[in-house]
Amino acid sequence: MPSFEPWDVVKLPFPGIALAEEHRPALVIAAGRLATHHDLLWTLMITSATHPPWPMDVPITDLRSAGLPAPSVVRCAKLATILASRAQKIGILAAPAERAAIARHLASTLAPATGRQTNM
């Protein structure tokens, strides 16, 4: 099984299509033990930048490193648990500012569940 790291951009089969599968990009935010023990990854949706923006969207500026063909955003509000064995790495989110923005959004959203305060 391939190994994945946070900030990898992967393509995933999109369910719901009878005979053919479409693939959609996603950003890995957790792998490690989830992948090795359970064959799972936590991912955030990547979608076209032409869609109406949502709060917490983070634009991807280095499309080449991310392996994406068109302007895209990470949609931090859309988290999914997916099978690692169904994912294929296509790139990496390389920009430190984008990684920091995503980390801030995740920390502020998850803070109530962890009992931690954030000033973000």
N, C-alpha and C. Protein backbone atom coordinates (compact mmCIF):
# COMPACT_ATOMS: atom_id res chain seq x y z
N MET A 1 0.85 -1.19 0.00
CA MET A 1 0.00 0.00 0.00
C MET A 1 0.89 1.24 0.00
N PRO A 2 0.55 2.23 -0.82
CA PRO A 2 1.34 3.46 -0.82
C PRO A 2 1.22 4.18 0.52
N SER A 3 2.25 4.94 0.84
CA SER A 3 2.18 5.71 2.09
C SER A 3 1.84 7.16 1.76
N PHE A 4 1.14 7.80 2.68
CA PHE A 4 0.71 9.18 2.50
C PHE A 4 1.14 10.00 3.69
N GLU A 5 1.31 11.28 3.45
CA GLU A 5 1.68 12.24 4.49
C GLU A 5 0.72 13.42 4.44
N PRO A 6 0.58 14.12 5.57
CA PRO A 6 -0.19 15.36 5.50
C PRO A 6 0.39 16.28 4.42
N TRP A 7 -0.48 16.96 3.74
CA TRP A 7 -0.22 17.91 2.66
C TRP A 7 -0.09 17.23 1.30
N ASP A 8 -0.18 15.89 1.24
CA ASP A 8 -0.24 15.24 -0.07
C ASP A 8 -1.58 15.57 -0.73
N VAL A 9 -1.54 15.78 -2.03
CA VAL A 9 -2.76 15.93 -2.81
C VAL A 9 -2.99 14.57 -3.48
N VAL A 10 -4.19 14.05 -3.32
CA VAL A 10 -4.52 12.74 -3.86
C VAL A 10 -5.74 12.84 -4.76
N LYS A 11 -5.91 11.84 -5.61
CA LYS A 11 -7.16 11.75 -6.35
C LYS A 11 -7.88 10.52 -5.82
N LEU A 12 -9.21 10.68 -5.72
CA LEU A 12 -10.07 9.66 -5.13
C LEU A 12 -11.20 9.33 -6.06
N PRO A 13 -11.64 8.07 -6.08
CA PRO A 13 -12.83 7.76 -6.86
C PRO A 13 -14.05 8.39 -6.20
N PHE A 14 -14.89 8.98 -7.00
CA PHE A 14 -16.09 9.64 -6.51
C PHE A 14 -17.25 8.64 -6.63
N PRO A 15 -17.86 8.28 -5.50
CA PRO A 15 -18.91 7.26 -5.55
C PRO A 15 -20.21 7.77 -6.16
N GLY A 16 -21.06 6.83 -6.51
CA GLY A 16 -22.39 7.18 -6.96
C GLY A 16 -22.61 7.08 -8.44
N ILE A 17 -21.60 6.71 -9.18
CA ILE A 17 -21.74 6.56 -10.62
C ILE A 17 -21.74 5.07 -10.93
N ALA A 18 -22.75 4.59 -11.60
CA ALA A 18 -22.99 3.16 -11.76
C ALA A 18 -21.81 2.39 -12.36
N LEU A 19 -21.41 2.71 -13.56
CA LEU A 19 -20.41 1.90 -14.23
C LEU A 19 -19.03 2.53 -14.28
N ALA A 20 -18.97 3.82 -14.23
CA ALA A 20 -17.69 4.50 -14.33
C ALA A 20 -17.46 5.34 -13.08
N GLU A 21 -16.22 5.45 -12.69
CA GLU A 21 -15.88 6.29 -11.55
C GLU A 21 -15.19 7.55 -12.02
N GLU A 22 -15.65 8.68 -11.51
CA GLU A 22 -14.93 9.92 -11.70
C GLU A 22 -13.94 10.02 -10.56
N HIS A 23 -12.90 10.81 -10.76
CA HIS A 23 -11.93 11.03 -9.69
C HIS A 23 -11.94 12.50 -9.30
N ARG A 24 -11.79 12.74 -8.02
CA ARG A 24 -11.77 14.08 -7.46
C ARG A 24 -10.53 14.26 -6.61
N PRO A 25 -9.96 15.46 -6.60
CA PRO A 25 -8.78 15.69 -5.75
C PRO A 25 -9.19 15.97 -4.31
N ALA A 26 -8.26 15.68 -3.41
CA ALA A 26 -8.45 15.95 -1.98
C ALA A 26 -7.08 16.18 -1.35
N LEU A 27 -7.08 16.86 -0.21
CA LEU A 27 -5.84 17.14 0.52
C LEU A 27 -5.78 16.25 1.75
N VAL A 28 -4.71 15.49 1.90
CA VAL A 28 -4.53 14.64 3.08
C VAL A 28 -4.15 15.53 4.26
N ILE A 29 -4.90 15.39 5.37
CA ILE A 29 -4.55 16.13 6.59
C ILE A 29 -4.14 15.19 7.72
N ALA A 30 -4.45 13.90 7.60
CA ALA A 30 -4.01 12.92 8.59
C ALA A 30 -3.87 11.57 7.90
N ALA A 31 -2.74 10.91 8.18
CA ALA A 31 -2.49 9.58 7.61
C ALA A 31 -1.90 8.72 8.73
N GLY A 32 -0.59 8.50 8.71
CA GLY A 32 0.10 7.79 9.80
C GLY A 32 -0.61 6.54 10.25
N ARG A 33 -0.93 6.48 11.56
CA ARG A 33 -1.57 5.29 12.13
C ARG A 33 -2.94 5.02 11.54
N LEU A 34 -3.66 6.08 11.15
CA LEU A 34 -4.95 5.85 10.50
C LEU A 34 -4.79 4.98 9.26
N ALA A 35 -3.75 5.27 8.48
CA ALA A 35 -3.52 4.53 7.24
C ALA A 35 -2.97 3.13 7.52
N THR A 36 -1.98 3.05 8.39
CA THR A 36 -1.34 1.74 8.60
C THR A 36 -2.22 0.76 9.36
N HIS A 37 -3.01 1.24 10.32
CA HIS A 37 -3.84 0.34 11.12
C HIS A 37 -5.25 0.15 10.56
N HIS A 38 -5.77 1.15 9.84
CA HIS A 38 -7.16 1.09 9.41
C HIS A 38 -7.39 1.33 7.93
N ASP A 39 -6.32 1.58 7.16
CA ASP A 39 -6.45 1.89 5.73
C ASP A 39 -7.30 3.14 5.50
N LEU A 40 -7.16 4.15 6.40
CA LEU A 40 -7.95 5.37 6.30
C LEU A 40 -7.08 6.61 6.19
N LEU A 41 -7.61 7.62 5.54
CA LEU A 41 -7.02 8.95 5.49
C LEU A 41 -8.10 9.96 5.82
N TRP A 42 -7.72 11.04 6.51
CA TRP A 42 -8.61 12.19 6.67
C TRP A 42 -8.22 13.17 5.59
N THR A 43 -9.19 13.65 4.86
CA THR A 43 -8.92 14.55 3.73
C THR A 43 -9.87 15.75 3.75
N LEU A 44 -9.42 16.79 3.07
CA LEU A 44 -10.25 17.96 2.81
C LEU A 44 -10.52 18.03 1.32
N MET A 45 -11.72 18.46 0.99
CA MET A 45 -12.14 18.59 -0.40
C MET A 45 -11.30 19.66 -1.12
N ILE A 46 -10.95 19.36 -2.34
CA ILE A 46 -10.39 20.36 -3.26
C ILE A 46 -11.41 20.52 -4.37
N THR A 47 -11.75 21.77 -4.66
CA THR A 47 -12.76 22.03 -5.68
C THR A 47 -12.31 23.18 -6.58
N SER A 48 -13.02 23.36 -7.65
CA SER A 48 -12.71 24.41 -8.61
C SER A 48 -12.84 25.79 -7.98
N ALA A 49 -11.91 26.65 -8.30
CA ALA A 49 -11.97 28.04 -7.82
C ALA A 49 -13.09 28.82 -8.48
N THR A 50 -13.72 28.25 -9.50
CA THR A 50 -14.83 28.94 -10.16
C THR A 50 -16.14 28.79 -9.39
N HIS A 51 -16.19 27.87 -8.44
CA HIS A 51 -17.40 27.70 -7.63
C HIS A 51 -17.54 28.87 -6.65
N PRO A 52 -18.74 29.18 -6.23
CA PRO A 52 -18.90 30.26 -5.25
C PRO A 52 -18.07 29.97 -3.99
N PRO A 53 -17.36 30.98 -3.48
CA PRO A 53 -16.47 30.74 -2.33
C PRO A 53 -17.25 30.49 -1.04
N TRP A 54 -16.64 29.71 -0.18
CA TRP A 54 -17.15 29.45 1.16
C TRP A 54 -16.18 30.08 2.15
N PRO A 55 -16.66 30.43 3.35
CA PRO A 55 -15.71 30.85 4.40
C PRO A 55 -14.72 29.70 4.63
N MET A 56 -13.51 30.03 4.89
CA MET A 56 -12.41 29.08 5.16
C MET A 56 -11.85 28.40 3.90
N ASP A 57 -12.29 28.77 2.70
CA ASP A 57 -11.63 28.26 1.49
C ASP A 57 -10.22 28.82 1.43
N VAL A 58 -9.28 28.00 0.98
CA VAL A 58 -7.89 28.43 0.82
C VAL A 58 -7.48 28.19 -0.63
N PRO A 59 -7.19 29.26 -1.39
CA PRO A 59 -6.76 29.09 -2.78
C PRO A 59 -5.41 28.38 -2.87
N ILE A 60 -5.28 27.53 -3.87
CA ILE A 60 -4.02 26.83 -4.13
C ILE A 60 -3.29 27.62 -5.20
N THR A 61 -2.11 28.13 -4.89
CA THR A 61 -1.38 28.98 -5.83
C THR A 61 -0.40 28.19 -6.70
N ASP A 62 0.16 27.10 -6.20
CA ASP A 62 1.12 26.32 -6.97
C ASP A 62 0.43 25.07 -7.52
N LEU A 63 -0.29 25.25 -8.61
CA LEU A 63 -1.06 24.15 -9.20
C LEU A 63 -0.16 23.04 -9.70
N ARG A 64 0.99 23.39 -10.21
CA ARG A 64 1.92 22.39 -10.74
C ARG A 64 2.36 21.41 -9.65
N SER A 65 2.81 21.93 -8.49
CA SER A 65 3.23 21.05 -7.39
C SER A 65 2.07 20.22 -6.86
N ALA A 66 0.87 20.80 -6.89
CA ALA A 66 -0.31 20.10 -6.39
C ALA A 66 -0.82 19.05 -7.38
N GLY A 67 -0.35 19.12 -8.62
CA GLY A 67 -0.81 18.17 -9.63
C GLY A 67 -2.21 18.45 -10.13
N LEU A 68 -2.60 19.72 -10.07
CA LEU A 68 -3.97 20.11 -10.45
C LEU A 68 -3.97 20.84 -11.79
N PRO A 69 -4.97 20.57 -12.63
CA PRO A 69 -4.99 21.17 -13.97
C PRO A 69 -5.62 22.55 -14.06
N ALA A 70 -6.35 22.97 -13.00
CA ALA A 70 -7.10 24.22 -13.09
C ALA A 70 -7.10 24.91 -11.73
N PRO A 71 -7.34 26.23 -11.70
CA PRO A 71 -7.40 26.94 -10.42
C PRO A 71 -8.36 26.25 -9.44
N SER A 72 -7.86 26.04 -8.22
CA SER A 72 -8.58 25.26 -7.23
C SER A 72 -8.45 25.86 -5.85
N VAL A 73 -9.35 25.43 -4.95
CA VAL A 73 -9.29 25.83 -3.54
C VAL A 73 -9.44 24.59 -2.67
N VAL A 74 -8.84 24.66 -1.48
CA VAL A 74 -9.08 23.66 -0.45
C VAL A 74 -10.30 24.14 0.31
N ARG A 75 -11.31 23.31 0.39
CA ARG A 75 -12.55 23.65 1.09
C ARG A 75 -12.45 23.04 2.50
N CYS A 76 -11.95 23.84 3.45
CA CYS A 76 -11.68 23.36 4.81
C CYS A 76 -12.93 22.91 5.55
N ALA A 77 -14.10 23.34 5.12
CA ALA A 77 -15.35 22.94 5.77
C ALA A 77 -15.78 21.53 5.39
N LYS A 78 -15.15 20.94 4.38
CA LYS A 78 -15.56 19.62 3.90
C LYS A 78 -14.48 18.59 4.18
N LEU A 79 -14.65 17.86 5.26
CA LEU A 79 -13.73 16.82 5.71
C LEU A 79 -14.31 15.46 5.36
N ALA A 80 -13.47 14.54 4.89
CA ALA A 80 -13.93 13.18 4.58
C ALA A 80 -12.90 12.17 5.05
N THR A 81 -13.39 11.03 5.50
CA THR A 81 -12.54 9.88 5.80
C THR A 81 -12.65 8.94 4.62
N ILE A 82 -11.50 8.60 4.04
CA ILE A 82 -11.52 7.78 2.82
C ILE A 82 -10.55 6.60 2.98
N LEU A 83 -10.72 5.60 2.15
CA LEU A 83 -9.82 4.45 2.16
C LEU A 83 -8.49 4.83 1.50
N ALA A 84 -7.41 4.64 2.23
CA ALA A 84 -6.09 4.94 1.68
C ALA A 84 -5.80 4.09 0.45
N SER A 85 -6.26 2.87 0.45
CA SER A 85 -6.00 1.97 -0.68
C SER A 85 -6.68 2.43 -1.97
N ARG A 86 -7.63 3.35 -1.88
CA ARG A 86 -8.31 3.87 -3.07
C ARG A 86 -7.72 5.19 -3.56
N ALA A 87 -6.78 5.74 -2.80
CA ALA A 87 -6.20 7.05 -3.13
C ALA A 87 -4.93 6.89 -3.95
N GLN A 88 -4.68 7.90 -4.77
CA GLN A 88 -3.45 7.94 -5.56
C GLN A 88 -2.86 9.34 -5.43
N LYS A 89 -1.59 9.42 -5.01
CA LYS A 89 -0.95 10.72 -4.86
C LYS A 89 -0.72 11.35 -6.22
N ILE A 90 -1.09 12.65 -6.32
CA ILE A 90 -0.86 13.37 -7.58
C ILE A 90 0.03 14.60 -7.38
N GLY A 91 0.25 14.99 -6.13
CA GLY A 91 1.07 16.17 -5.88
C GLY A 91 1.17 16.46 -4.39
N ILE A 92 1.57 17.69 -4.09
CA ILE A 92 1.72 18.12 -2.70
C ILE A 92 1.36 19.60 -2.61
N LEU A 93 0.76 19.97 -1.49
CA LEU A 93 0.49 21.38 -1.23
C LEU A 93 1.78 21.96 -0.66
N ALA A 94 2.50 22.72 -1.46
CA ALA A 94 3.85 23.14 -1.09
C ALA A 94 3.94 24.48 -0.38
N ALA A 95 3.00 25.38 -0.62
CA ALA A 95 3.12 26.75 -0.12
C ALA A 95 2.91 26.83 1.40
N PRO A 96 3.93 27.30 2.13
CA PRO A 96 3.81 27.41 3.59
C PRO A 96 2.64 28.27 4.05
N ALA A 97 2.32 29.35 3.34
CA ALA A 97 1.21 30.22 3.75
C ALA A 97 -0.13 29.49 3.63
N GLU A 98 -0.29 28.68 2.59
CA GLU A 98 -1.52 27.92 2.43
C GLU A 98 -1.64 26.85 3.51
N ARG A 99 -0.54 26.17 3.81
CA ARG A 99 -0.55 25.17 4.88
C ARG A 99 -0.92 25.82 6.21
N ALA A 100 -0.36 26.99 6.48
CA ALA A 100 -0.63 27.69 7.75
C ALA A 100 -2.10 28.10 7.83
N ALA A 101 -2.66 28.59 6.72
CA ALA A 101 -4.07 29.00 6.73
C ALA A 101 -4.98 27.80 6.99
N ILE A 102 -4.69 26.69 6.36
CA ILE A 102 -5.50 25.48 6.56
C ILE A 102 -5.37 25.01 8.01
N ALA A 103 -4.15 24.99 8.53
CA ALA A 103 -3.93 24.57 9.92
C ALA A 103 -4.71 25.46 10.89
N ARG A 104 -4.72 26.78 10.64
CA ARG A 104 -5.48 27.70 11.50
C ARG A 104 -6.97 27.40 11.45
N HIS A 105 -7.49 27.18 10.25
CA HIS A 105 -8.92 26.87 10.11
C HIS A 105 -9.28 25.58 10.84
N LEU A 106 -8.45 24.56 10.68
CA LEU A 106 -8.72 23.29 11.34
C LEU A 106 -8.64 23.43 12.86
N ALA A 107 -7.62 24.13 13.33
CA ALA A 107 -7.44 24.31 14.78
C ALA A 107 -8.63 25.06 15.38
N SER A 108 -9.07 26.11 14.72
CA SER A 108 -10.18 26.89 15.28
C SER A 108 -11.49 26.11 15.23
N THR A 109 -11.67 25.28 14.22
CA THR A 109 -12.89 24.49 14.09
C THR A 109 -12.91 23.34 15.10
N LEU A 110 -11.77 22.71 15.32
CA LEU A 110 -11.70 21.55 16.21
C LEU A 110 -11.47 21.91 17.68
N ALA A 111 -11.14 23.16 17.97
CA ALA A 111 -10.83 23.57 19.35
C ALA A 111 -11.91 23.19 20.35
N PRO A 112 -13.19 23.41 20.07
CA PRO A 112 -14.21 23.04 21.05
C PRO A 112 -14.19 21.55 21.41
N ALA A 113 -13.90 20.69 20.44
CA ALA A 113 -13.87 19.25 20.69
C ALA A 113 -12.65 18.82 21.49
N THR A 114 -11.59 19.60 21.41
CA THR A 114 -10.35 19.23 22.11
C THR A 114 -10.24 19.91 23.47
N GLY A 115 -11.14 20.87 23.74
CA GLY A 115 -11.07 21.58 25.01
C GLY A 115 -10.00 22.65 25.03
N ARG A 116 -9.44 22.95 23.87
CA ARG A 116 -8.38 23.97 23.78
C ARG A 116 -8.96 25.28 23.26
N GLN A 117 -8.37 26.35 23.70
CA GLN A 117 -8.74 27.68 23.22
C GLN A 117 -7.86 28.04 22.04
N THR A 118 -8.41 28.78 21.10
CA THR A 118 -7.60 29.32 20.01
C THR A 118 -7.87 30.81 19.94
N ASN A 119 -6.86 31.52 19.48
CA ASN A 119 -6.98 32.96 19.27
C ASN A 119 -6.89 33.28 17.79
N MET A 120 -7.48 32.43 16.97
CA MET A 120 -7.33 32.57 15.52
C MET A 120 -8.55 33.16 14.91
